Amino acid sequence: MKRNFITGVAMAVAAVFVGAEIAAAADVSFSGQVRTRYENETKTDMSQNDQPYDLTATRVRLNAKANINSDTSAFIQMQSSRVWGVSNAAYTASDADASVGLHQAYFTLKNFAGLPVTAKVGRQEIVLDGHRLFGHTGWTTGAQTHDGLRLTHAHGNTTISYGLSMAQELTTTAGAENDVYTHFLHGNFQGVLGGGLSTIVVFNDDDCGTLGGVSTCGGATNQWFTIGARQVGKLAGLDYRAEAYLQTGEAGAAGNAISASNTLSQYGTSHGLNGFGAQATREAYMFGVRVGKSFKNMTWKPKVTLWYDYLSGVSDENMAEGKWSAFDTLYDTGHKFYGFMDLFLNYMGSNTNYMGLQDIAVKLVMKPAAKWTLKADYHNFHTAQSVGGNPEVATRTGIITPASTSTAGMSADPGGRELGSEIGSELDFTLVHAYNPNVKLVFGYSQFMAETLYHKLDANSVANGYRDNAHWAYVMADVKF
């Protein structure tokens, strides 16, 4: 018995050392992450009678990278995302948590096909231009990846890349393909105006018509382009960013978002503004600007940034002309842009009933002590299209609910035309501590101050009243190795 035990231990030790030698010979390296975050919030449902909701979630990642030869490498990232107490072994005889999955798995070929091009093939995170249109949504526990490929050519200050994301692969319905493919051509040119200029063309080939949901697949085509540019850099002691994007093409299944079947008419008079049919023309745009100034010679080394984003929305005029004008943010990391409470993340714009979004913000960053960073952000949110100026859209999306289609019923609603465009304001505080080179501790508190219009837009509307203020607090430990 003793001899067998010693033999078993020896074999295990030998296997470890042999495995390590093989890994070293193949140039295989391992890394990982354990990130745990506790959250307490009242933002999910702002009912006066609801109690705060809290949870603790953990993300675990284990990464393996293999440099196979001078032109070939591979990367595999396993991930487990779970909420504490869900499928918990403490209440079961056997741990039922089966959440481990493949987050990334791709191989890279340099000098692909004998060309000065690097090919990256497989499941991968795609991040372009500060996460504006393509981001990894890393704040979420699961984060976002794409199944596809990317071809990149770099020379001097210029990098050009083509990417394909097979965003959705579905079985056919009534003989129609229901796939969603996204193609992009991206260029980055360094050394322009104290920084870098990026250009992008994105083609969405959506056979499904995602505006109408998966259930309507095959009912409308949705092929459209996003074209734009982003300039970021530093001039005259100021950090700056300016970007603009235009969307054109088709908006299949737009009628499922703002339906033509709703026949309410403005002031009892029919104007033919009866929502959208199955097919609409897409004409949308967005632009954003940012200017920041650092004061490194002052106590706490503050940096102040002024920020404005505008995302177009559907107006009465657009609807009358059959033009879908709600900007689609594609695969962005919205948490980075539209307030940390994540109230405006829907990529199609449904959080503002497709009337667009304006974000006016002031951001402050300070260094109160070594290894400590304090951030404070203030956002003031408006719709791009006002309710008063667009009563037809507001009526068809439920912001205005007249008692009848008569003139009196339409104009008597006290929460109607005078709602304007202001949705509310958000204040975000973040404290980051670099505990050691591998551990970061983050503390955050946010508060949202809602205007009446927010409650009209809120999909979680309830009949027993609302909070005009919602909070969200969290504590997060991020350990990387």
Protein backbone atom coordinates (compact mmCIF):
# COMPACT_ATOMS: atom_id res chain seq x y z
CA MET A 1 0.00 0.00 0.00
CA LYS A 2 2.78 2.38 1.00
CA ARG A 3 4.78 1.50 -2.13
CA ASN A 4 1.76 2.10 -4.37
CA PHE A 5 1.15 5.49 -2.75
CA ILE A 6 4.76 6.57 -3.23
CA THR A 7 4.68 5.35 -6.84
CA GLY A 8 1.50 7.31 -7.50
CA VAL A 9 2.97 10.50 -6.04
CA ALA A 10 6.13 10.07 -8.07
CA MET A 11 4.14 9.63 -11.28
CA ALA A 12 2.09 12.73 -10.55
CA VAL A 13 5.19 14.81 -9.86
CA ALA A 14 6.83 13.51 -13.02
CA ALA A 15 3.73 14.35 -15.06
CA VAL A 16 3.81 17.92 -13.73
CA PHE A 17 7.45 18.39 -14.65
CA VAL A 18 7.08 16.72 -18.05
CA GLY A 19 4.01 18.87 -18.78
CA ALA A 20 5.94 21.97 -17.80
CA GLU A 21 8.83 21.00 -20.06
CA ILE A 22 6.47 20.41 -23.00
CA ALA A 23 4.75 23.76 -22.37
CA ALA A 24 8.12 25.50 -22.25
CA ALA A 25 9.25 23.81 -25.48
CA ALA A 26 6.06 24.89 -27.26
CA ASP A 27 6.22 28.40 -25.75
CA VAL A 28 2.88 28.09 -24.00
CA SER A 29 1.98 30.68 -21.37
CA PHE A 30 -0.94 30.82 -18.96
CA SER A 31 -2.75 33.73 -17.35
CA GLY A 32 -6.14 34.42 -15.86
CA GLN A 33 -8.55 36.57 -13.93
CA VAL A 34 -10.89 36.32 -10.95
CA ARG A 35 -13.25 39.31 -10.75
CA THR A 36 -15.95 39.54 -8.08
CA ARG A 37 -18.46 42.38 -7.82
CA TYR A 38 -21.19 43.10 -5.26
CA GLU A 39 -24.01 45.40 -6.43
CA ASN A 40 -26.93 47.05 -4.66
CA GLU A 41 -29.43 49.00 -6.76
CA THR A 42 -32.93 50.39 -7.26
CA LYS A 43 -32.49 51.25 -10.94
CA THR A 44 -34.00 48.10 -12.43
CA ASP A 45 -37.52 49.00 -11.34
CA MET A 46 -38.01 52.48 -9.87
CA SER A 47 -41.28 51.62 -8.12
CA GLN A 48 -41.77 53.37 -4.78
CA ASN A 49 -42.75 50.10 -3.11
CA ASP A 50 -39.88 47.91 -4.31
CA GLN A 51 -36.95 47.11 -2.06
CA PRO A 52 -33.34 47.49 -3.23
CA TYR A 53 -32.01 44.55 -5.21
CA ASP A 54 -28.53 43.16 -4.63
CA LEU A 55 -26.32 40.39 -5.97
CA THR A 56 -22.73 39.21 -6.07
CA ALA A 57 -21.28 37.95 -9.35
CA THR A 58 -17.92 36.44 -10.22
CA ARG A 59 -16.12 36.09 -13.52
CA VAL A 60 -13.29 33.55 -13.73
CA ARG A 61 -11.03 33.34 -16.79
CA LEU A 62 -8.16 31.02 -17.62
CA ASN A 63 -6.07 31.91 -20.67
CA ALA A 64 -3.61 29.84 -22.66
CA LYS A 65 -1.45 31.33 -25.41
CA ALA A 66 0.76 29.22 -27.64
CA ASN A 67 3.45 30.64 -29.91
CA ILE A 68 3.63 27.67 -32.26
CA ASN A 69 6.19 29.03 -34.73
CA SER A 70 7.32 32.37 -36.13
CA ASP A 71 4.10 32.83 -38.12
CA THR A 72 1.53 30.87 -36.10
CA SER A 73 0.01 31.33 -32.65
CA ALA A 74 -3.19 30.36 -30.86
CA PHE A 75 -5.17 31.73 -27.93
CA ILE A 76 -7.84 30.00 -25.84
CA GLN A 77 -9.80 31.68 -23.05
CA MET A 78 -12.15 29.71 -20.82
CA GLN A 79 -14.68 31.68 -18.80
CA SER A 80 -17.16 31.04 -16.01
CA SER A 81 -19.72 33.71 -15.12
CA ARG A 82 -21.99 33.09 -12.19
CA VAL A 83 -24.10 34.80 -9.56
CA TRP A 84 -23.49 33.71 -5.98
CA GLY A 85 -26.19 31.44 -4.63
CA VAL A 86 -27.38 30.28 -8.06
CA SER A 87 -26.85 26.52 -8.61
CA ASN A 88 -24.92 26.67 -5.38
CA ALA A 89 -23.42 23.49 -3.94
CA ALA A 90 -24.26 24.70 -0.44
CA TYR A 91 -27.93 23.79 -1.02
CA THR A 92 -27.39 20.78 -3.24
CA ALA A 93 -25.67 17.47 -2.77
CA SER A 94 -23.72 18.11 -5.98
CA ASP A 95 -22.61 21.45 -7.39
CA ALA A 96 -24.89 22.07 -10.37
CA ASP A 97 -22.99 25.08 -11.74
CA ALA A 98 -22.21 24.28 -15.38
CA SER A 99 -21.36 27.81 -16.46
CA VAL A 100 -17.84 27.21 -17.78
CA GLY A 101 -17.63 28.02 -21.48
CA LEU A 102 -15.39 29.19 -24.29
CA HIS A 103 -15.06 32.97 -24.36
CA GLN A 104 -12.30 33.25 -26.97
CA ALA A 105 -10.60 30.70 -29.18
CA TYR A 106 -8.67 31.79 -32.25
CA PHE A 107 -5.49 31.24 -34.17
CA THR A 108 -3.29 33.89 -35.78
CA LEU A 109 -1.34 33.54 -39.02
CA LYS A 110 1.25 36.15 -39.91
CA ASN A 111 2.14 36.76 -43.57
CA PHE A 112 -1.11 35.06 -44.52
CA ALA A 113 -1.02 33.58 -48.05
CA GLY A 114 2.39 35.17 -48.55
CA LEU A 115 0.98 38.68 -48.14
CA PRO A 116 1.87 41.33 -45.53
CA VAL A 117 -1.38 40.50 -43.73
CA THR A 118 -2.10 38.97 -40.33
CA ALA A 119 -5.17 36.72 -40.17
CA LYS A 120 -6.99 36.19 -36.88
CA VAL A 121 -9.62 33.45 -37.16
CA GLY A 122 -12.12 32.22 -34.56
CA ARG A 123 -14.07 33.52 -31.58
CA GLN A 124 -12.53 36.83 -30.53
CA GLU A 125 -13.16 40.17 -28.90
CA ILE A 126 -13.21 43.06 -31.37
CA VAL A 127 -12.47 46.54 -30.02
CA LEU A 128 -12.24 49.52 -32.37
CA ASP A 129 -11.85 53.23 -31.64
CA GLY A 130 -12.45 53.29 -27.92
CA HIS A 131 -15.39 50.86 -28.02
CA ARG A 132 -17.72 53.28 -29.86
CA LEU A 133 -19.13 50.85 -32.46
CA PHE A 134 -17.23 47.67 -31.59
CA GLY A 135 -16.35 46.90 -27.98
CA HIS A 136 -15.98 43.93 -25.64
CA THR A 137 -18.61 45.18 -23.12
CA GLY A 138 -16.08 44.11 -20.51
CA TRP A 139 -18.03 45.65 -17.63
CA THR A 140 -20.66 42.93 -17.96
CA THR A 141 -19.81 39.65 -16.28
CA GLY A 142 -19.86 37.67 -19.52
CA ALA A 143 -18.50 40.32 -21.93
CA GLN A 144 -18.96 40.11 -25.72
CA THR A 145 -17.16 38.18 -28.43
CA HIS A 146 -17.59 37.64 -32.18
CA ASP A 147 -17.36 34.46 -34.22
CA GLY A 148 -15.48 35.43 -37.33
CA LEU A 149 -12.18 36.62 -38.72
CA ARG A 150 -10.03 39.71 -39.01
CA LEU A 151 -7.36 40.52 -41.60
CA THR A 152 -4.90 43.27 -40.69
CA HIS A 153 -2.17 45.03 -42.63
CA ALA A 154 0.14 47.46 -40.83
CA HIS A 155 2.80 49.65 -42.42
CA GLY A 156 4.42 52.64 -40.75
CA ASN A 157 1.72 54.84 -39.21
CA THR A 158 -1.10 53.13 -41.11
CA THR A 159 -3.16 50.09 -40.09
CA ILE A 160 -5.92 48.71 -42.31
CA SER A 161 -8.18 45.84 -41.27
CA TYR A 162 -11.16 43.93 -42.57
CA GLY A 163 -13.41 42.01 -40.21
CA LEU A 164 -16.32 39.62 -40.46
CA SER A 165 -18.63 38.80 -37.56
CA MET A 166 -21.16 36.00 -37.95
CA ALA A 167 -23.42 37.65 -35.42
CA GLN A 168 -26.34 35.25 -35.76
CA GLU A 169 -26.73 31.88 -37.45
CA LEU A 170 -30.31 30.58 -37.51
CA THR A 171 -32.21 27.85 -39.25
CA THR A 172 -34.36 28.81 -42.20
CA THR A 173 -37.99 29.85 -41.88
CA ALA A 174 -40.27 29.41 -44.89
CA GLY A 175 -37.23 29.04 -47.12
CA ALA A 176 -35.62 32.33 -45.98
CA GLU A 177 -32.17 32.56 -44.44
CA ASN A 178 -32.19 34.21 -41.03
CA ASP A 179 -28.49 34.94 -40.60
CA VAL A 180 -26.94 38.22 -39.49
CA TYR A 181 -23.44 38.99 -40.80
CA THR A 182 -21.48 42.16 -40.08
CA HIS A 183 -18.53 43.26 -42.23
CA PHE A 184 -16.24 46.19 -41.47
CA LEU A 185 -13.31 47.96 -43.14
CA HIS A 186 -11.32 50.02 -40.66
CA GLY A 187 -8.34 52.30 -41.14
CA ASN A 188 -6.18 54.04 -38.56
CA PHE A 189 -3.65 56.74 -39.45
CA GLN A 190 -1.31 57.99 -36.73
CA GLY A 191 0.39 61.38 -36.71
CA VAL A 192 -2.72 63.38 -37.66
CA LEU A 193 -3.45 66.58 -35.68
CA GLY A 194 -1.54 65.46 -32.64
CA GLY A 195 -3.05 62.00 -32.57
CA GLY A 196 -4.77 59.50 -34.82
CA LEU A 197 -7.53 59.48 -37.42
CA SER A 198 -9.75 56.43 -37.86
CA THR A 199 -12.17 55.74 -40.68
CA ILE A 200 -14.73 52.95 -40.78
CA VAL A 201 -17.31 51.41 -43.09
CA VAL A 202 -19.62 48.77 -41.60
CA PHE A 203 -22.05 46.67 -43.65
CA ASN A 204 -24.81 44.87 -41.76
CA ASP A 205 -26.41 42.03 -43.71
CA ASP A 206 -29.40 41.20 -41.55
CA ASP A 207 -31.76 38.70 -43.18
CA CYS A 208 -33.69 38.56 -39.95
CA GLY A 209 -34.85 42.14 -39.52
CA THR A 210 -33.77 42.50 -35.90
CA LEU A 211 -35.95 45.55 -35.36
CA GLY A 212 -38.85 43.10 -35.31
CA GLY A 213 -37.19 40.43 -33.19
CA VAL A 214 -36.16 36.90 -34.09
CA SER A 215 -39.77 35.74 -34.46
CA THR A 216 -40.18 37.84 -37.63
CA CYS A 217 -37.10 36.46 -39.37
CA GLY A 218 -37.46 36.26 -43.13
CA GLY A 219 -40.16 38.93 -43.18
CA ALA A 220 -38.03 41.93 -44.13
CA THR A 221 -34.54 42.72 -45.36
CA ASN A 222 -32.23 44.87 -43.31
CA GLN A 223 -29.06 45.61 -45.27
CA TRP A 224 -27.42 48.87 -44.29
CA PHE A 225 -24.15 50.78 -43.93
CA THR A 226 -22.49 52.76 -41.14
CA ILE A 227 -19.86 55.20 -42.44
CA GLY A 228 -17.82 57.51 -40.25
CA ALA A 229 -14.56 58.83 -38.85
CA ARG A 230 -12.99 59.50 -35.47
CA GLN A 231 -10.14 61.87 -34.64
CA VAL A 232 -8.48 61.74 -31.22
CA GLY A 233 -5.34 63.41 -29.97
CA LYS A 234 -3.78 66.23 -28.02
CA LEU A 235 -3.34 69.84 -29.19
CA ALA A 236 -2.41 73.00 -27.28
CA GLY A 237 -2.42 71.12 -23.99
CA LEU A 238 -5.95 69.80 -24.53
CA ASP A 239 -7.03 66.20 -24.97
CA TYR A 240 -9.76 65.97 -27.56
CA ARG A 241 -11.98 63.58 -29.48
CA ALA A 242 -14.35 64.26 -32.38
CA GLU A 243 -16.29 61.64 -34.29
CA ALA A 244 -19.31 61.33 -36.57
CA TYR A 245 -21.15 58.43 -38.22
CA LEU A 246 -23.91 58.17 -40.82
CA GLN A 247 -26.21 55.19 -41.34
CA THR A 248 -27.99 54.51 -44.63
CA GLY A 249 -29.78 51.59 -46.25
CA GLU A 250 -32.77 49.51 -45.20
CA ALA A 251 -34.61 49.21 -41.89
CA GLY A 252 -36.42 45.92 -42.21
CA ALA A 253 -39.29 45.27 -39.77
CA ALA A 254 -39.40 48.92 -38.65
CA GLY A 255 -43.17 48.49 -38.39
CA ASN A 256 -42.67 46.11 -35.49
CA ALA A 257 -41.02 48.91 -33.52
CA ILE A 258 -43.42 51.75 -34.41
CA SER A 259 -46.41 50.01 -35.91
CA ALA A 260 -48.54 51.21 -38.79
CA SER A 261 -51.54 49.49 -37.19
CA ASN A 262 -51.88 52.27 -34.61
CA THR A 263 -54.34 54.64 -36.26
CA LEU A 264 -54.47 57.39 -33.62
CA SER A 265 -54.42 60.75 -35.38
CA GLN A 266 -53.13 64.10 -34.20
CA TYR A 267 -55.99 66.31 -32.95
CA GLY A 268 -58.56 64.05 -34.57
CA THR A 269 -57.24 64.74 -38.07
CA SER A 270 -55.71 62.01 -40.19
CA HIS A 271 -52.27 62.97 -41.50
CA GLY A 272 -51.28 59.57 -42.78
CA LEU A 273 -48.64 59.35 -40.05
CA ASN A 274 -49.59 55.86 -39.07
CA GLY A 275 -46.20 54.41 -38.15
CA PHE A 276 -43.99 52.27 -40.37
CA GLY A 277 -44.69 49.41 -42.69
CA ALA A 278 -42.62 46.25 -42.96
CA GLN A 279 -39.85 48.12 -44.80
CA ALA A 280 -38.36 51.57 -44.22
CA THR A 281 -35.35 53.56 -45.39
CA ARG A 282 -32.61 54.04 -42.81
CA GLU A 283 -31.26 57.59 -42.39
CA ALA A 284 -29.62 58.04 -39.00
CA TYR A 285 -26.49 59.65 -37.61
CA MET A 286 -24.55 60.37 -34.45
CA PHE A 287 -21.68 62.63 -33.46
CA GLY A 288 -19.67 63.12 -30.32
CA VAL A 289 -17.09 65.61 -29.06
CA ARG A 290 -14.86 65.64 -26.00
CA VAL A 291 -12.34 68.19 -24.72
CA GLY A 292 -10.22 67.61 -21.61
CA LYS A 293 -7.58 69.53 -19.71
CA SER A 294 -5.12 68.13 -17.16
CA PHE A 295 -3.67 70.24 -14.32
CA LYS A 296 -0.63 68.23 -13.29
CA ASN A 297 0.88 71.01 -11.17
CA MET A 298 -2.15 71.26 -8.89
CA THR A 299 -2.93 69.19 -5.81
CA TRP A 300 -4.50 65.83 -6.72
CA LYS A 301 -3.58 66.48 -10.39
CA PRO A 302 -7.16 66.99 -11.60
CA LYS A 303 -8.34 66.49 -15.16
CA VAL A 304 -11.61 68.06 -16.35
CA THR A 305 -13.44 66.86 -19.46
CA LEU A 306 -16.43 68.35 -21.25
CA TRP A 307 -18.47 65.84 -23.25
CA TYR A 308 -21.39 65.84 -25.69
CA ASP A 309 -22.94 62.96 -27.65
CA TYR A 310 -25.90 63.17 -30.03
CA LEU A 311 -27.70 60.10 -31.39
CA SER A 312 -30.48 60.85 -33.86
CA GLY A 313 -34.04 59.64 -33.33
CA VAL A 314 -37.30 59.20 -35.21
CA SER A 315 -39.39 62.37 -35.70
CA ASP A 316 -42.90 62.88 -37.03
CA GLU A 317 -41.43 64.10 -40.31
CA ASN A 318 -39.20 61.02 -40.61
CA MET A 319 -42.15 58.75 -39.95
CA ALA A 320 -44.28 60.50 -42.58
CA GLU A 321 -41.51 59.96 -45.15
CA GLY A 322 -40.90 56.33 -44.17
CA LYS A 323 -37.40 57.05 -42.86
CA TRP A 324 -36.04 55.18 -39.85
CA SER A 325 -33.78 57.69 -38.06
CA ALA A 326 -32.90 56.03 -34.76
CA PHE A 327 -29.13 55.53 -34.66
CA ASP A 328 -28.00 51.94 -34.06
CA THR A 329 -24.91 51.73 -31.82
CA LEU A 330 -24.00 48.28 -33.21
CA TYR A 331 -21.67 46.38 -30.85
CA ASP A 332 -20.54 49.27 -28.65
CA THR A 333 -19.56 49.20 -24.99
CA GLY A 334 -22.35 51.56 -23.95
CA HIS A 335 -21.38 51.47 -20.27
CA LYS A 336 -18.39 53.61 -21.16
CA PHE A 337 -20.48 56.36 -22.78
CA TYR A 338 -24.05 56.70 -21.53
CA GLY A 339 -23.76 56.69 -17.74
CA PHE A 340 -22.61 53.84 -15.50
CA MET A 341 -26.15 52.91 -14.42
CA ASP A 342 -26.68 51.46 -17.93
CA LEU A 343 -30.15 52.89 -18.51
CA PHE A 344 -29.63 53.63 -22.22
CA LEU A 345 -27.80 50.59 -23.59
CA ASN A 346 -30.27 49.24 -26.16
CA TYR A 347 -28.38 49.33 -29.45
CA MET A 348 -31.50 50.11 -31.52
CA GLY A 349 -32.55 53.02 -29.28
CA SER A 350 -35.66 51.57 -27.63
CA ASN A 351 -34.68 53.01 -24.21
CA THR A 352 -35.84 56.40 -25.50
CA ASN A 353 -38.70 54.95 -27.59
CA TYR A 354 -36.50 55.49 -30.69
CA MET A 355 -36.53 59.30 -30.24
CA GLY A 356 -32.74 59.48 -29.94
CA LEU A 357 -30.43 60.57 -27.14
CA GLN A 358 -28.38 63.60 -26.15
CA ASP A 359 -25.77 63.28 -23.42
CA ILE A 360 -24.22 66.44 -21.94
CA ALA A 361 -21.52 65.53 -19.42
CA VAL A 362 -18.76 66.90 -17.23
CA LYS A 363 -16.09 64.48 -16.00
CA LEU A 364 -13.47 64.94 -13.29
CA VAL A 365 -10.49 62.69 -12.49
CA MET A 366 -8.22 63.24 -9.46
CA LYS A 367 -5.31 61.47 -7.73
CA PRO A 368 -5.90 62.03 -3.99
CA ALA A 369 -3.03 59.70 -2.95
CA ALA A 370 -0.55 57.24 -4.37
CA LYS A 371 -2.35 54.24 -5.92
CA TRP A 372 -5.74 55.96 -5.57
CA THR A 373 -7.87 57.49 -8.35
CA LEU A 374 -11.15 59.34 -7.78
CA LYS A 375 -13.59 59.97 -10.64
CA ALA A 376 -16.82 61.98 -10.74
CA ASP A 377 -19.08 62.16 -13.81
CA TYR A 378 -22.26 64.19 -14.26
CA HIS A 379 -24.61 63.44 -17.19
CA ASN A 380 -27.71 65.32 -18.29
CA PHE A 381 -29.81 63.25 -20.73
CA HIS A 382 -32.32 64.46 -23.31
CA THR A 383 -34.11 62.83 -26.20
CA ALA A 384 -32.90 64.04 -29.59
CA GLN A 385 -36.49 64.64 -30.68
CA SER A 386 -38.81 66.44 -28.27
CA VAL A 387 -42.20 65.06 -27.31
CA GLY A 388 -43.93 68.39 -27.92
CA GLY A 389 -42.55 68.64 -31.43
CA ASN A 390 -43.33 65.02 -32.32
CA PRO A 391 -46.69 64.04 -30.85
CA GLU A 392 -47.32 61.36 -33.49
CA VAL A 393 -44.19 59.37 -32.58
CA ALA A 394 -44.85 59.99 -28.88
CA THR A 395 -48.40 58.69 -29.22
CA ARG A 396 -47.48 55.58 -31.15
CA THR A 397 -44.71 54.64 -28.73
CA GLY A 398 -46.84 55.20 -25.63
CA ILE A 399 -45.32 58.41 -24.24
CA ILE A 400 -48.60 60.24 -24.84
CA THR A 401 -51.75 58.27 -24.06
CA PRO A 402 -54.77 60.33 -25.12
CA ALA A 403 -58.21 59.39 -23.82
CA SER A 404 -59.49 59.23 -27.40
CA THR A 405 -58.61 60.19 -30.95
CA SER A 406 -60.56 63.40 -30.60
CA THR A 407 -58.97 66.85 -30.45
CA ALA A 408 -59.90 67.24 -26.78
CA GLY A 409 -58.60 63.83 -25.81
CA MET A 410 -55.30 64.32 -27.57
CA SER A 411 -54.59 67.75 -26.15
CA ALA A 412 -55.87 67.18 -22.61
CA ASP A 413 -53.25 64.63 -21.53
CA PRO A 414 -51.29 66.37 -18.73
CA GLY A 415 -48.22 64.24 -19.40
CA GLY A 416 -48.27 64.96 -23.10
CA ARG A 417 -46.81 67.62 -25.31
CA GLU A 418 -45.26 69.67 -22.51
CA LEU A 419 -42.94 66.82 -21.50
CA GLY A 420 -40.20 68.35 -23.67
CA SER A 421 -36.97 66.37 -24.10
CA GLU A 422 -35.22 66.16 -20.71
CA ILE A 423 -35.05 62.60 -19.39
CA GLY A 424 -32.97 63.04 -16.24
CA SER A 425 -29.50 63.41 -14.78
CA GLU A 426 -26.97 60.92 -13.48
CA LEU A 427 -24.08 61.36 -11.06
CA ASP A 428 -21.36 58.68 -10.99
CA PHE A 429 -18.58 58.41 -8.38
CA THR A 430 -15.76 55.89 -8.81
CA LEU A 431 -12.82 55.22 -6.47
CA VAL A 432 -10.06 52.94 -7.76
CA HIS A 433 -7.24 51.54 -5.61
CA ALA A 434 -4.27 49.74 -7.13
CA TYR A 435 -3.90 47.36 -4.19
CA ASN A 436 -0.85 45.70 -5.73
CA PRO A 437 0.36 45.06 -9.31
CA ASN A 438 -2.12 42.19 -9.72
CA VAL A 439 -5.12 43.40 -7.71
CA LYS A 440 -7.40 46.38 -8.31
CA LEU A 441 -10.20 47.39 -5.93
CA VAL A 442 -13.03 49.54 -7.28
CA PHE A 443 -15.78 51.29 -5.30
CA GLY A 444 -18.66 53.02 -7.04
CA TYR A 445 -21.85 54.92 -6.31
CA SER A 446 -24.30 56.34 -8.85
CA GLN A 447 -27.59 58.19 -8.59
CA PHE A 448 -30.13 58.88 -11.31
CA MET A 449 -32.52 61.83 -10.93
CA ALA A 450 -35.49 61.18 -13.21
CA GLU A 451 -37.74 63.69 -14.91
CA THR A 452 -41.37 62.84 -15.73
CA LEU A 453 -40.36 61.88 -19.26
CA TYR A 454 -38.14 59.08 -17.94
CA HIS A 455 -41.11 57.40 -16.30
CA LYS A 456 -43.02 57.62 -19.58
CA LEU A 457 -40.12 55.93 -21.34
CA ASP A 458 -39.40 53.32 -18.67
CA ALA A 459 -40.44 49.85 -19.79
CA ASN A 460 -40.84 48.81 -16.13
CA SER A 461 -43.68 51.27 -15.57
CA VAL A 462 -46.01 50.24 -12.74
CA ALA A 463 -49.24 51.71 -11.44
CA ASN A 464 -48.20 52.25 -7.81
CA GLY A 465 -45.91 55.23 -8.32
CA TYR A 466 -42.22 55.81 -8.96
CA ARG A 467 -39.07 56.89 -7.32
CA ASP A 468 -37.70 60.05 -8.85
CA ASN A 469 -34.24 58.96 -7.68
CA ALA A 470 -32.53 55.62 -8.11
CA HIS A 471 -29.17 54.47 -6.79
CA TRP A 472 -26.56 51.89 -7.67
CA ALA A 473 -23.58 51.01 -5.51
CA TYR A 474 -20.90 48.38 -5.99
CA VAL A 475 -17.61 47.02 -4.67
CA MET A 476 -15.38 45.07 -7.05
CA ALA A 477 -12.11 43.19 -6.72
CA ASP A 478 -10.24 42.40 -9.95
CA VAL A 479 -7.40 39.90 -9.57
CA LYS A 480 -5.23 39.09 -12.61
CA PHE A 481 -2.36 36.64 -12.87
